[in-house]
N, C-alpha and C. Protein backbone atom coordinates (compact mmCIF):
# COMPACT_ATOMS: atom_id res chain seq x y z
N GLY A 1 1.04 -1.05 0.14
CA GLY A 1 -0.08 -0.33 -0.15
C GLY A 1 0.99 1.06 -0.08
N ASP A 2 0.67 2.04 0.64
CA ASP A 2 1.01 3.55 0.97
C ASP A 2 2.52 3.52 1.90
N HIS A 3 2.54 2.47 2.45
CA HIS A 3 3.89 2.29 3.26
C HIS A 3 4.91 1.70 2.87
N VAL A 4 5.69 2.99 2.87
CA VAL A 4 7.28 3.09 2.44
C VAL A 4 8.21 2.17 3.35
N ILE A 5 8.81 1.19 3.15
CA ILE A 5 9.89 0.47 4.18
C ILE A 5 11.07 0.85 3.56
N ILE A 6 11.62 1.02 2.45
CA ILE A 6 13.02 1.81 2.02
C ILE A 6 12.77 2.66 1.49
N PRO A 7 12.93 4.29 2.03
CA PRO A 7 12.76 5.29 0.96
C PRO A 7 14.20 5.58 0.36
N PRO A 8 13.94 6.50 -0.42
CA PRO A 8 15.30 6.56 -1.71
C PRO A 8 16.35 6.19 -0.70
N LEU A 9 17.65 5.63 -1.81
CA LEU A 9 18.39 4.75 -1.01
C LEU A 9 19.87 4.75 -1.93
N SER A 10 20.72 4.78 -1.63
CA SER A 10 21.82 4.64 -2.76
C SER A 10 22.97 4.11 -1.88
N LEU A 11 23.69 2.95 -2.63
CA LEU A 11 24.23 2.24 -1.61
C LEU A 11 25.25 1.76 -3.17
N SER A 12 26.46 1.48 -2.81
CA SER A 12 27.30 0.82 -3.82
C SER A 12 28.30 -0.57 -3.17
N ILE A 13 28.33 -1.67 -3.45
CA ILE A 13 28.82 -2.73 -2.89
C ILE A 13 29.93 -2.98 -3.85
N HIS A 14 31.34 -2.88 -3.77
CA HIS A 14 32.31 -3.56 -4.36
C HIS A 14 32.61 -4.56 -4.44
N ASP A 15 33.38 -5.00 -5.72
CA ASP A 15 33.65 -6.56 -6.11
C ASP A 15 34.52 -6.87 -4.16
N GLY A 16 34.64 -8.18 -3.80
CA GLY A 16 35.07 -8.65 -3.34
C GLY A 16 35.17 -8.19 -1.87
N GLU A 17 33.70 -7.27 -1.84
CA GLU A 17 33.69 -6.69 -0.36
C GLU A 17 33.16 -7.55 0.40
N PHE A 18 32.75 -7.42 1.94
CA PHE A 18 32.08 -8.53 2.75
C PHE A 18 31.29 -6.82 3.54
N LEU A 19 30.13 -6.74 2.93
CA LEU A 19 29.15 -5.90 4.02
C LEU A 19 28.27 -6.33 4.81
N THR A 20 27.88 -5.90 6.14
CA THR A 20 27.43 -5.83 6.86
C THR A 20 26.31 -4.50 7.60
N LEU A 21 24.42 -5.42 7.09
CA LEU A 21 23.70 -4.62 7.22
C LEU A 21 23.11 -4.42 8.93
N LEU A 22 23.54 -3.89 9.60
CA LEU A 22 22.88 -3.61 11.00
C LEU A 22 21.76 -2.65 11.30
N GLY A 23 21.40 -2.80 12.25
CA GLY A 23 19.70 -2.00 12.24
C GLY A 23 18.97 -2.98 13.51
N PRO A 24 17.94 -2.10 14.29
CA PRO A 24 16.87 -2.79 14.95
C PRO A 24 15.91 -3.31 14.26
N SER A 25 14.84 -4.54 14.37
CA SER A 25 14.32 -5.64 14.27
C SER A 25 13.34 -4.35 13.37
N GLY A 26 12.81 -4.49 11.84
CA GLY A 26 11.85 -3.80 11.33
C GLY A 26 12.77 -2.90 10.62
N CYS A 27 13.72 -2.25 10.23
CA CYS A 27 14.40 -1.33 9.70
C CYS A 27 14.61 -1.45 8.68
N GLY A 28 13.93 -2.36 8.06
CA GLY A 28 14.25 -2.53 6.11
C GLY A 28 15.56 -3.67 6.07
N LYS A 29 16.18 -3.53 7.13
CA LYS A 29 17.69 -4.49 6.19
C LYS A 29 16.87 -5.99 5.25
N THR A 30 16.20 -6.95 6.10
CA THR A 30 16.22 -7.68 4.95
C THR A 30 15.26 -7.86 4.31
N THR A 31 14.36 -6.46 3.60
CA THR A 31 13.56 -6.20 2.93
C THR A 31 15.14 -6.10 1.38
N LEU A 32 15.24 -4.93 1.87
CA LEU A 32 16.96 -4.60 1.53
C LEU A 32 17.42 -5.79 0.56
N LEU A 33 17.71 -6.58 1.83
CA LEU A 33 18.49 -7.94 1.10
C LEU A 33 17.93 -8.70 -0.30
N ARG A 34 15.93 -8.53 -0.05
CA ARG A 34 15.37 -9.46 -0.76
C ARG A 34 14.90 -9.03 -1.95
N MET A 35 15.38 -7.37 -1.80
CA MET A 35 15.41 -6.75 -2.76
C MET A 35 16.50 -7.27 -4.23
N LEU A 36 18.21 -7.03 -3.37
CA LEU A 36 19.06 -7.54 -4.06
C LEU A 36 18.81 -8.79 -4.72
N ALA A 37 18.33 -9.73 -4.14
CA ALA A 37 18.30 -11.06 -4.46
C ALA A 37 17.28 -11.50 -5.50
N GLY A 38 16.06 -10.11 -5.23
CA GLY A 38 15.47 -10.14 -6.78
C GLY A 38 13.99 -10.81 -5.93
N LEU A 39 13.82 -11.25 -4.25
CA LEU A 39 12.67 -12.12 -4.26
C LEU A 39 11.75 -10.55 -3.62
N ASP A 40 12.06 -9.80 -3.97
CA ASP A 40 11.12 -8.73 -3.92
C ASP A 40 11.57 -7.70 -5.06
N THR A 41 10.85 -6.26 -5.51
CA THR A 41 10.91 -6.01 -6.47
C THR A 41 10.54 -4.19 -5.94
N PRO A 42 11.37 -3.38 -5.96
CA PRO A 42 11.74 -1.90 -5.53
C PRO A 42 10.50 -1.39 -6.37
N THR A 43 9.77 -0.05 -5.94
CA THR A 43 8.64 0.10 -6.44
C THR A 43 9.33 1.75 -7.54
N LYS A 44 10.34 1.84 -7.05
CA LYS A 44 11.33 2.85 -8.42
C LYS A 44 12.90 2.34 -8.07
N GLY A 45 13.39 3.05 -8.61
CA GLY A 45 14.85 2.70 -8.27
C GLY A 45 15.52 1.64 -9.19
N LYS A 46 16.59 1.21 -9.42
CA LYS A 46 17.36 0.50 -10.07
C LYS A 46 18.34 -0.20 -9.39
N ILE A 47 18.57 -1.76 -9.56
CA ILE A 47 19.57 -2.45 -9.20
C ILE A 47 20.54 -2.49 -10.30
N ILE A 48 21.75 -2.42 -10.31
CA ILE A 48 22.99 -2.60 -11.09
C ILE A 48 23.56 -3.39 -10.57
N LEU A 49 24.04 -4.89 -11.52
CA LEU A 49 24.85 -5.64 -11.00
C LEU A 49 26.05 -5.88 -12.43
N ASP A 50 27.60 -4.95 -11.91
CA ASP A 50 28.23 -5.38 -12.97
C ASP A 50 27.92 -4.47 -14.34
N GLY A 51 27.30 -3.10 -14.40
CA GLY A 51 26.80 -2.90 -15.70
C GLY A 51 25.32 -3.06 -15.81
N GLN A 52 24.61 -3.84 -15.27
CA GLN A 52 23.53 -4.47 -16.15
C GLN A 52 22.20 -4.56 -14.87
N ASP A 53 21.43 -4.03 -15.62
CA ASP A 53 20.25 -3.81 -15.14
C ASP A 53 18.99 -4.68 -14.42
N ILE A 54 19.20 -5.35 -13.50
CA ILE A 54 19.06 -6.77 -12.81
C ILE A 54 17.50 -6.37 -11.70
N THR A 55 16.75 -4.73 -12.02
CA THR A 55 15.89 -4.87 -10.94
C THR A 55 14.42 -5.56 -11.71
N ASN A 56 14.39 -5.92 -12.52
CA ASN A 56 13.03 -7.18 -12.67
C ASN A 56 13.58 -8.38 -13.19
N LEU A 57 14.63 -8.73 -13.03
CA LEU A 57 15.22 -10.10 -13.35
C LEU A 57 14.80 -10.76 -11.97
N PRO A 58 14.10 -12.48 -12.38
CA PRO A 58 13.68 -13.47 -11.30
C PRO A 58 15.13 -13.46 -10.46
N PRO A 59 15.08 -14.24 -9.31
CA PRO A 59 15.91 -14.71 -8.56
C PRO A 59 17.33 -15.26 -9.25
N TYR A 60 16.44 -16.55 -10.19
CA TYR A 60 17.07 -17.72 -10.95
C TYR A 60 17.78 -17.08 -11.94
N LYS A 61 17.53 -15.80 -12.31
CA LYS A 61 18.46 -15.16 -13.51
C LYS A 61 19.08 -14.30 -13.32
N ARG A 62 19.11 -13.93 -11.86
CA ARG A 62 20.45 -13.24 -11.16
C ARG A 62 21.68 -13.74 -10.91
N ASP A 63 22.56 -13.75 -11.36
CA ASP A 63 24.06 -14.14 -11.08
C ASP A 63 24.46 -13.87 -8.86
N VAL A 64 23.46 -14.06 -8.73
CA VAL A 64 23.98 -13.88 -7.12
C VAL A 64 22.73 -15.54 -6.51
N ASN A 65 23.43 -15.46 -5.10
CA ASN A 65 22.15 -16.10 -4.21
C ASN A 65 22.64 -16.46 -2.94
N MET A 66 21.37 -16.39 -1.87
CA MET A 66 21.19 -15.90 -1.05
C MET A 66 21.25 -17.30 0.21
N VAL A 67 21.59 -17.02 1.34
CA VAL A 67 21.05 -17.87 2.37
C VAL A 67 20.29 -17.42 3.45
N PHE A 68 19.31 -18.64 4.10
CA PHE A 68 17.94 -18.23 4.65
C PHE A 68 18.20 -18.46 6.12
N GLN A 69 17.81 -17.89 7.02
CA GLN A 69 17.93 -18.47 8.13
C GLN A 69 17.53 -19.39 9.01
N ASN A 70 16.39 -20.04 7.72
CA ASN A 70 15.90 -21.38 8.28
C ASN A 70 16.68 -22.39 7.20
N TYR A 71 17.70 -22.23 6.56
CA TYR A 71 18.24 -23.00 5.77
C TYR A 71 17.36 -23.60 4.71
N ALA A 72 16.10 -23.68 4.62
CA ALA A 72 15.19 -24.02 3.77
C ALA A 72 15.87 -25.35 2.64
N LEU A 73 16.35 -26.78 2.82
CA LEU A 73 16.85 -27.36 1.93
C LEU A 73 15.90 -28.40 1.83
N PHE A 74 16.02 -28.86 1.10
CA PHE A 74 15.04 -30.06 0.08
C PHE A 74 15.09 -31.73 1.44
N PRO A 75 14.12 -31.57 1.88
CA PRO A 75 13.97 -32.79 3.01
C PRO A 75 14.64 -34.16 2.87
N HIS A 76 13.90 -33.97 1.57
CA HIS A 76 14.01 -35.69 0.88
C HIS A 76 15.01 -36.07 0.13
N MET A 77 16.27 -34.85 0.07
CA MET A 77 17.62 -35.41 -0.80
C MET A 77 18.95 -34.89 0.56
N THR A 78 19.51 -35.77 0.13
CA THR A 78 20.95 -35.69 0.87
C THR A 78 21.98 -34.10 0.78
N ALA A 79 22.87 -34.35 1.69
CA ALA A 79 23.44 -33.17 2.10
C ALA A 79 24.08 -32.89 0.22
N GLU A 80 24.69 -34.04 -0.50
CA GLU A 80 25.42 -33.82 -1.43
C GLU A 80 24.39 -33.26 -2.33
N GLU A 81 22.86 -34.35 -2.32
CA GLU A 81 22.17 -33.67 -3.35
C GLU A 81 21.59 -32.10 -3.29
N ASN A 82 21.65 -32.04 -1.78
CA ASN A 82 21.03 -30.86 -1.95
C ASN A 82 22.30 -29.73 -2.43
N ILE A 83 23.15 -29.70 -2.24
CA ILE A 83 24.31 -28.80 -3.11
C ILE A 83 24.45 -28.80 -4.56
N GLY A 84 24.03 -29.91 -5.11
CA GLY A 84 24.34 -30.39 -6.33
C GLY A 84 23.40 -30.24 -7.10
N PHE A 85 22.29 -29.44 -6.30
CA PHE A 85 20.91 -29.02 -7.09
C PHE A 85 20.62 -28.43 -8.13
N GLY A 86 20.94 -27.37 -7.38
CA GLY A 86 21.12 -25.99 -8.55
C GLY A 86 21.92 -26.53 -9.93
N LEU A 87 22.97 -26.89 -9.49
CA LEU A 87 23.83 -27.18 -10.78
C LEU A 87 22.91 -28.48 -11.79
N ARG A 88 22.24 -29.48 -10.81
CA ARG A 88 21.61 -30.30 -12.17
C ARG A 88 20.31 -29.29 -12.73
N MET A 89 19.63 -28.90 -11.75
CA MET A 89 18.84 -28.10 -12.89
C MET A 89 19.38 -27.23 -13.84
N LYS A 90 20.88 -26.61 -13.89
CA LYS A 90 21.46 -25.39 -14.64
C LYS A 90 21.63 -26.70 -15.74
N GLY A 91 22.03 -27.92 -16.37
CA GLY A 91 22.33 -28.71 -16.89
C GLY A 91 23.87 -29.20 -16.55
N VAL A 92 24.41 -28.82 -15.33
CA VAL A 92 25.57 -28.79 -15.41
C VAL A 92 25.79 -30.61 -15.76
N GLY A 93 26.86 -30.91 -16.35
CA GLY A 93 27.21 -32.09 -16.44
C GLY A 93 27.40 -32.97 -14.80
N ARG A 94 27.03 -34.65 -14.72
CA ARG A 94 27.13 -35.37 -13.72
C ARG A 94 28.25 -35.05 -13.07
N GLU A 95 29.63 -35.23 -13.73
CA GLU A 95 30.93 -35.12 -13.58
C GLU A 95 31.50 -34.16 -12.52
N GLU A 96 31.71 -32.87 -13.56
CA GLU A 96 31.27 -31.83 -13.07
C GLU A 96 30.29 -31.28 -11.93
N THR A 97 29.36 -31.34 -11.37
CA THR A 97 28.48 -31.41 -10.28
C THR A 97 29.30 -32.35 -9.57
N ALA A 98 29.47 -33.58 -9.23
CA ALA A 98 30.66 -34.47 -8.49
C ALA A 98 31.55 -33.28 -7.98
N LYS A 99 32.35 -33.05 -8.89
CA LYS A 99 33.62 -32.13 -8.58
C LYS A 99 33.38 -31.32 -7.67
N ARG A 100 32.38 -30.26 -8.13
CA ARG A 100 32.16 -29.52 -7.57
C ARG A 100 31.42 -29.44 -5.85
N THR A 101 30.77 -30.35 -6.16
CA THR A 101 30.11 -30.70 -4.86
C THR A 101 30.84 -31.36 -3.63
N GLN A 102 31.61 -32.21 -4.56
CA GLN A 102 33.12 -32.71 -3.70
C GLN A 102 33.93 -32.01 -2.79
N LYS A 103 34.26 -30.50 -3.73
CA LYS A 103 34.98 -29.12 -3.17
C LYS A 103 34.59 -28.75 -1.97
N LEU A 104 32.65 -28.65 -2.22
CA LEU A 104 32.09 -27.66 -1.60
C LEU A 104 31.86 -28.49 0.14
N LEU A 105 31.63 -29.95 -0.34
CA LEU A 105 31.49 -30.69 1.38
C LEU A 105 33.12 -30.92 1.77
N LYS A 106 33.77 -30.46 1.29
CA LYS A 106 35.20 -30.57 1.78
C LYS A 106 35.37 -28.91 2.71
N LEU A 107 34.89 -28.03 2.07
CA LEU A 107 35.12 -26.63 2.36
C LEU A 107 34.22 -26.56 3.84
N ILE A 108 32.90 -27.00 3.54
CA ILE A 108 32.52 -26.76 4.79
C ILE A 108 32.81 -28.17 6.00
N GLN A 109 33.25 -28.76 5.63
CA GLN A 109 33.81 -30.00 6.53
C GLN A 109 32.80 -31.24 7.35
N LEU A 110 32.03 -31.53 5.51
CA LEU A 110 30.81 -32.25 6.02
C LEU A 110 30.85 -33.61 5.11
N GLU A 111 32.10 -33.82 4.28
CA GLU A 111 32.26 -34.91 3.52
C GLU A 111 31.76 -36.21 4.17
N ASP A 112 32.02 -36.08 5.75
CA ASP A 112 31.30 -38.12 5.68
C ASP A 112 29.88 -37.69 6.12
N LEU A 113 29.10 -36.50 6.45
CA LEU A 113 27.71 -36.67 6.33
C LEU A 113 27.43 -36.35 5.11
N ARG A 114 28.02 -36.88 3.88
CA ARG A 114 27.82 -36.68 2.30
C ARG A 114 26.12 -37.46 2.43
N SER A 115 25.39 -38.31 2.65
CA SER A 115 24.66 -39.30 2.47
C SER A 115 23.21 -39.14 3.72
N ARG A 116 23.71 -38.16 4.33
CA ARG A 116 22.60 -38.00 5.47
C ARG A 116 21.45 -36.92 5.15
N TYR A 117 20.41 -36.84 5.43
CA TYR A 117 19.24 -35.86 4.99
C TYR A 117 18.99 -34.93 6.24
N PRO A 118 18.66 -33.62 6.05
CA PRO A 118 18.38 -33.05 6.75
C PRO A 118 17.89 -33.16 8.32
N SER A 119 17.24 -34.15 8.16
CA SER A 119 16.71 -34.66 9.69
C SER A 119 17.70 -35.18 9.98
N GLN A 120 18.71 -35.65 9.88
CA GLN A 120 19.66 -36.59 10.77
C GLN A 120 20.76 -35.49 10.77
N MET A 121 20.77 -34.37 10.63
CA MET A 121 22.01 -33.24 11.01
C MET A 121 21.66 -32.45 11.94
N SER A 122 22.44 -31.62 12.39
CA SER A 122 22.09 -30.29 13.16
C SER A 122 21.85 -29.32 12.80
N GLY A 123 21.09 -28.42 13.03
CA GLY A 123 20.83 -26.87 12.63
C GLY A 123 22.01 -26.43 12.20
N GLY A 124 23.69 -27.09 12.69
CA GLY A 124 24.58 -26.18 12.13
C GLY A 124 25.20 -26.55 10.70
N GLN A 125 24.72 -28.25 10.69
CA GLN A 125 25.28 -28.87 9.83
C GLN A 125 24.64 -28.60 8.51
N GLN A 126 22.84 -28.28 8.80
CA GLN A 126 22.06 -27.90 7.55
C GLN A 126 22.24 -26.86 7.23
N GLN A 127 23.10 -25.65 7.83
CA GLN A 127 23.20 -24.04 7.63
C GLN A 127 24.58 -24.36 7.23
N ARG A 128 25.30 -24.93 6.94
CA ARG A 128 26.46 -25.50 5.88
C ARG A 128 25.90 -26.14 5.05
N VAL A 129 25.51 -26.97 4.69
CA VAL A 129 24.74 -27.22 3.59
C VAL A 129 24.14 -26.28 2.94
N SER A 130 23.47 -25.35 3.70
CA SER A 130 23.02 -24.67 2.67
C SER A 130 24.10 -22.93 2.12
N ILE A 131 24.75 -22.93 3.02
CA ILE A 131 26.15 -22.18 2.55
C ILE A 131 26.69 -22.49 1.11
N ALA A 132 26.86 -24.11 1.33
CA ALA A 132 27.43 -24.95 0.27
C ALA A 132 26.70 -24.99 -0.90
N ARG A 133 25.58 -25.14 -0.87
CA ARG A 133 24.63 -25.15 -1.88
C ARG A 133 24.44 -23.88 -2.70
N ALA A 134 24.55 -22.68 -1.91
CA ALA A 134 24.28 -21.41 -2.88
C ALA A 134 25.71 -21.29 -3.61
N LEU A 135 26.82 -21.09 -2.74
CA LEU A 135 28.02 -21.69 -3.72
C LEU A 135 28.15 -22.29 -4.67
N ALA A 136 27.52 -23.30 -4.95
CA ALA A 136 27.95 -24.10 -5.66
C ALA A 136 27.29 -23.45 -7.56
N MET A 137 26.57 -22.78 -7.53
CA MET A 137 26.43 -21.84 -8.57
C MET A 137 27.25 -20.66 -8.96
N LYS A 138 28.14 -20.63 -7.76
CA LYS A 138 29.75 -19.85 -8.33
C LYS A 138 28.73 -18.65 -8.36
N PRO A 139 28.37 -17.81 -7.23
CA PRO A 139 27.74 -16.46 -7.63
C PRO A 139 28.53 -15.46 -7.59
N LYS A 140 28.09 -14.17 -8.10
CA LYS A 140 28.89 -12.93 -8.03
C LYS A 140 28.68 -12.10 -6.65
N MET A 141 27.74 -12.63 -5.93
CA MET A 141 27.41 -12.15 -5.01
C MET A 141 26.45 -13.34 -3.95
N LEU A 142 26.57 -13.11 -2.54
CA LEU A 142 26.17 -13.78 -1.66
C LEU A 142 25.44 -13.37 -0.77
N PHE A 143 24.30 -13.34 -0.62
CA PHE A 143 23.31 -12.96 0.58
C PHE A 143 23.02 -13.98 1.80
N PHE A 144 23.49 -13.50 3.02
CA PHE A 144 23.26 -13.93 4.15
C PHE A 144 21.87 -13.19 5.16
N ASP A 145 20.60 -13.91 5.22
CA ASP A 145 19.92 -12.90 5.93
C ASP A 145 19.61 -13.72 7.67
N GLU A 146 20.45 -12.84 8.32
CA GLU A 146 20.71 -13.68 9.96
C GLU A 146 20.65 -15.09 9.94
N PRO A 147 22.04 -16.05 9.16
CA PRO A 147 21.89 -17.38 8.97
C PRO A 147 22.51 -18.27 10.30
N THR A 148 22.46 -17.28 12.00
CA THR A 148 22.83 -18.19 12.74
C THR A 148 21.33 -17.88 14.08
N SER A 149 20.30 -16.93 13.14
CA SER A 149 19.76 -16.67 14.32
C SER A 149 18.61 -17.77 14.89
N ALA A 150 18.60 -19.16 13.88
CA ALA A 150 18.03 -19.80 14.23
C ALA A 150 18.79 -21.35 15.47
N LEU A 151 19.92 -20.63 15.38
CA LEU A 151 21.12 -21.67 16.12
C LEU A 151 20.97 -21.41 17.65
N ASP A 152 21.40 -22.39 17.87
CA ASP A 152 22.02 -22.54 19.48
C ASP A 152 23.58 -21.76 19.03
N PRO A 153 23.58 -21.11 20.83
CA PRO A 153 24.91 -20.19 20.65
C PRO A 153 26.18 -21.16 20.42
N GLU A 154 26.36 -22.46 20.51
CA GLU A 154 27.49 -22.97 20.29
C GLU A 154 27.56 -23.64 19.29
N LEU A 155 26.82 -23.58 17.99
CA LEU A 155 26.74 -23.63 16.42
C LEU A 155 26.69 -22.75 16.04
N THR A 156 26.56 -21.47 16.23
CA THR A 156 26.43 -20.26 15.95
C THR A 156 28.13 -19.85 15.33
N GLY A 157 28.87 -20.52 16.12
CA GLY A 157 30.63 -19.94 15.69
C GLY A 157 30.98 -20.93 14.57
N GLU A 158 30.46 -21.84 14.13
CA GLU A 158 31.10 -22.63 13.44
C GLU A 158 30.61 -22.25 11.81
N ILE A 159 29.24 -21.88 12.08
CA ILE A 159 28.95 -20.79 10.80
C ILE A 159 29.27 -19.48 10.38
N LEU A 160 29.69 -19.17 11.73
CA LEU A 160 30.52 -17.39 11.37
C LEU A 160 31.78 -18.04 11.02
N LYS A 161 32.40 -19.17 11.49
CA LYS A 161 33.80 -19.31 10.86
C LYS A 161 33.54 -19.44 9.00
N VAL A 162 33.06 -20.72 8.55
CA VAL A 162 32.16 -20.62 7.17
C VAL A 162 32.43 -18.95 6.45
N ILE A 163 31.66 -18.66 7.23
CA ILE A 163 31.10 -16.89 6.45
C ILE A 163 32.77 -16.02 6.46
N LYS A 164 33.11 -16.39 7.53
CA LYS A 164 34.40 -15.95 8.14
C LYS A 164 35.93 -15.94 7.09
N ASP A 165 35.99 -17.41 6.62
CA ASP A 165 36.88 -18.14 5.93
C ASP A 165 36.03 -17.75 4.16
N LEU A 166 35.30 -17.11 3.83
CA LEU A 166 34.84 -16.95 2.80
C LEU A 166 35.26 -15.42 2.44
N ALA A 167 35.26 -14.80 3.53
CA ALA A 167 35.91 -13.19 3.32
C ALA A 167 37.07 -13.18 3.24
N ALA A 168 37.48 -14.18 3.98
CA ALA A 168 39.49 -14.14 3.23
C ALA A 168 39.48 -14.26 1.92
N GLU A 169 38.70 -15.43 1.52
CA GLU A 169 38.95 -15.48 -0.19
C GLU A 169 38.27 -13.92 -0.97
N HIS A 170 37.63 -13.23 -0.36
CA HIS A 170 36.84 -12.51 -0.87
C HIS A 170 36.35 -12.33 -1.79
N MET A 171 35.30 -12.93 -1.16
CA MET A 171 33.79 -13.37 -1.86
C MET A 171 32.87 -11.58 -1.73
N THR A 172 32.30 -11.53 -2.83
CA THR A 172 31.60 -10.52 -2.17
C THR A 172 30.28 -10.55 -1.60
N MET A 173 30.03 -10.41 -0.70
CA MET A 173 28.85 -10.65 0.15
C MET A 173 28.12 -9.78 1.16
N VAL A 174 26.82 -9.78 1.47
CA VAL A 174 26.38 -9.02 2.22
C VAL A 174 25.81 -9.92 3.26
N ILE A 175 26.03 -9.51 4.63
CA ILE A 175 25.06 -10.52 5.52
C ILE A 175 24.28 -9.20 6.56
N VAL A 176 22.70 -9.90 7.20
CA VAL A 176 21.91 -9.28 7.83
C VAL A 176 22.76 -9.92 9.09
N THR A 177 22.64 -9.05 10.39
CA THR A 177 23.04 -10.20 11.30
C THR A 177 23.24 -8.78 12.70
N HIS A 178 22.48 -10.13 13.84
CA HIS A 178 23.27 -9.14 15.37
C HIS A 178 24.25 -10.00 15.77
N GLU A 179 25.01 -10.48 15.45
CA GLU A 179 26.32 -10.70 16.07
C GLU A 179 27.45 -9.24 15.30
N MET A 180 27.28 -8.34 16.79
CA MET A 180 28.39 -7.29 16.57
C MET A 180 30.09 -7.47 16.24
N ASN A 181 30.03 -8.79 17.59
CA ASN A 181 31.35 -8.63 17.59
C ASN A 181 32.24 -9.48 16.38
N PHE A 182 31.03 -10.20 15.93
CA PHE A 182 31.67 -10.79 14.46
C PHE A 182 31.91 -9.57 13.10
N ALA A 183 30.37 -8.73 13.41
CA ALA A 183 30.56 -7.38 12.37
C ALA A 183 32.11 -6.59 12.45
N ARG A 184 32.23 -6.38 13.68
CA ARG A 184 33.88 -5.67 14.01
C ARG A 184 34.79 -6.12 13.59
N ASN A 185 34.65 -7.35 13.63
CA ASN A 185 36.08 -8.09 13.47
C ASN A 185 35.91 -9.04 12.37
N VAL A 186 35.15 -8.79 11.23
CA VAL A 186 35.34 -9.73 10.14
C VAL A 186 35.17 -8.46 8.62
N ALA A 187 33.98 -7.53 8.89
CA ALA A 187 33.50 -7.00 7.76
C ALA A 187 34.22 -5.85 7.43
N ASP A 188 34.07 -5.76 5.99
CA ASP A 188 34.97 -4.26 5.37
C ASP A 188 34.41 -2.96 5.96
N LYS A 189 32.62 -3.34 5.66
CA LYS A 189 31.63 -2.02 5.61
C LYS A 189 30.76 -2.42 6.62
N ILE A 190 30.61 -1.80 6.98
CA ILE A 190 28.97 -1.89 8.30
C ILE A 190 28.51 -0.76 7.35
N ILE A 191 26.87 -0.99 7.74
CA ILE A 191 25.70 -0.11 7.15
C ILE A 191 24.70 -0.36 8.48
N PHE A 192 24.66 0.73 8.82
CA PHE A 192 23.89 1.23 10.19
C PHE A 192 22.55 1.26 9.82
N MET A 193 21.24 0.91 9.40
CA MET A 193 19.77 1.30 8.78
C MET A 193 19.23 1.34 10.09
N ASP A 194 18.28 2.49 9.61
CA ASP A 194 17.03 3.17 11.11
C ASP A 194 15.98 3.46 10.06
N LYS A 195 14.72 2.75 9.78
CA LYS A 195 13.87 3.49 9.20
C LYS A 195 13.47 3.61 8.31
N GLY A 196 14.61 2.29 7.39
CA GLY A 196 14.71 2.47 5.69
C GLY A 196 15.66 2.68 5.37
N VAL A 197 16.59 4.06 6.28
CA VAL A 197 17.28 4.81 5.66
C VAL A 197 18.88 4.54 6.22
N ILE A 198 20.11 4.46 5.19
CA ILE A 198 21.30 4.30 6.10
C ILE A 198 21.77 5.66 6.68
N ALA A 199 21.90 5.13 8.21
CA ALA A 199 21.80 6.26 9.24
C ALA A 199 23.54 6.21 9.41
N VAL A 200 23.96 5.46 9.28
CA VAL A 200 25.92 5.40 9.53
C VAL A 200 26.42 4.23 8.35
N GLU A 201 27.37 5.08 7.69
CA GLU A 201 27.87 3.87 6.68
C GLU A 201 29.71 4.34 7.10
N GLY A 202 30.34 3.31 6.61
CA GLY A 202 31.94 3.24 7.06
C GLY A 202 32.60 1.63 7.34
N THR A 203 33.64 1.79 7.80
CA THR A 203 34.57 0.78 8.18
C THR A 203 34.37 0.45 9.63
N PRO A 204 34.18 -1.03 10.17
CA PRO A 204 34.23 -1.38 11.31
C PRO A 204 34.41 -0.36 12.39
N GLU A 205 35.89 0.18 12.42
CA GLU A 205 36.40 1.78 13.15
C GLU A 205 35.47 2.58 13.53
N GLU A 206 35.33 2.94 11.85
CA GLU A 206 34.61 4.16 11.73
C GLU A 206 33.25 4.22 12.74
N VAL A 207 32.43 2.86 11.96
CA VAL A 207 31.09 2.75 12.71
C VAL A 207 31.14 2.69 14.04
N PHE A 208 32.04 2.13 14.66
CA PHE A 208 31.72 1.42 16.12
C PHE A 208 32.48 2.17 17.12
N THR A 209 32.73 3.44 16.36
CA THR A 209 33.79 4.68 17.29
C THR A 209 32.70 6.03 17.30
N SER A 210 32.02 5.46 16.23
CA SER A 210 31.33 7.68 15.45
C SER A 210 30.45 7.29 17.03
N GLU A 211 29.56 8.46 17.11
CA GLU A 211 29.23 8.95 18.47
C GLU A 211 27.87 9.17 17.99
């Protein structure tokens, strides 16, 4: 209706940058993320990726991927099958799919659980599979919507470690999170949102030391 969630907003995300979105609940963080991922369409404005206007492209036609807080795995597929699903849908050959899936299972340290179904894995393990599934498509950008919010504190660390390792490899990522220490220690840039607008933007040092 007439409710404006994101007023006019300008944001640039650079190649290899790890951007963290912070702010109170309802401030527009997830809506912004969903628009970037193609799950919501802005009423006005444009979203440009590598010079291409992707504003009206559906998610599967964008070279991006998203990791949700509730894992969103297929319950009838094993960890290995979940990771390779997108590749199979894209028509990637069996050998290449197996090769890429094996590499990702190693990255998330779940090689021994490749044949387990989601119901047979912990929340942290399921979220690692979700991250691997998103990475399998080799997206230009990866989005995380509070990936640890559904996890117990002891499982949160293992997910943050995977994301930290990806940041070290300069994967272009945007994460919505309430993990302040993680944002401070790992992010390249932090944006603090309030009522849909960017209230503060800068490096972790600039944001956390500003009045």
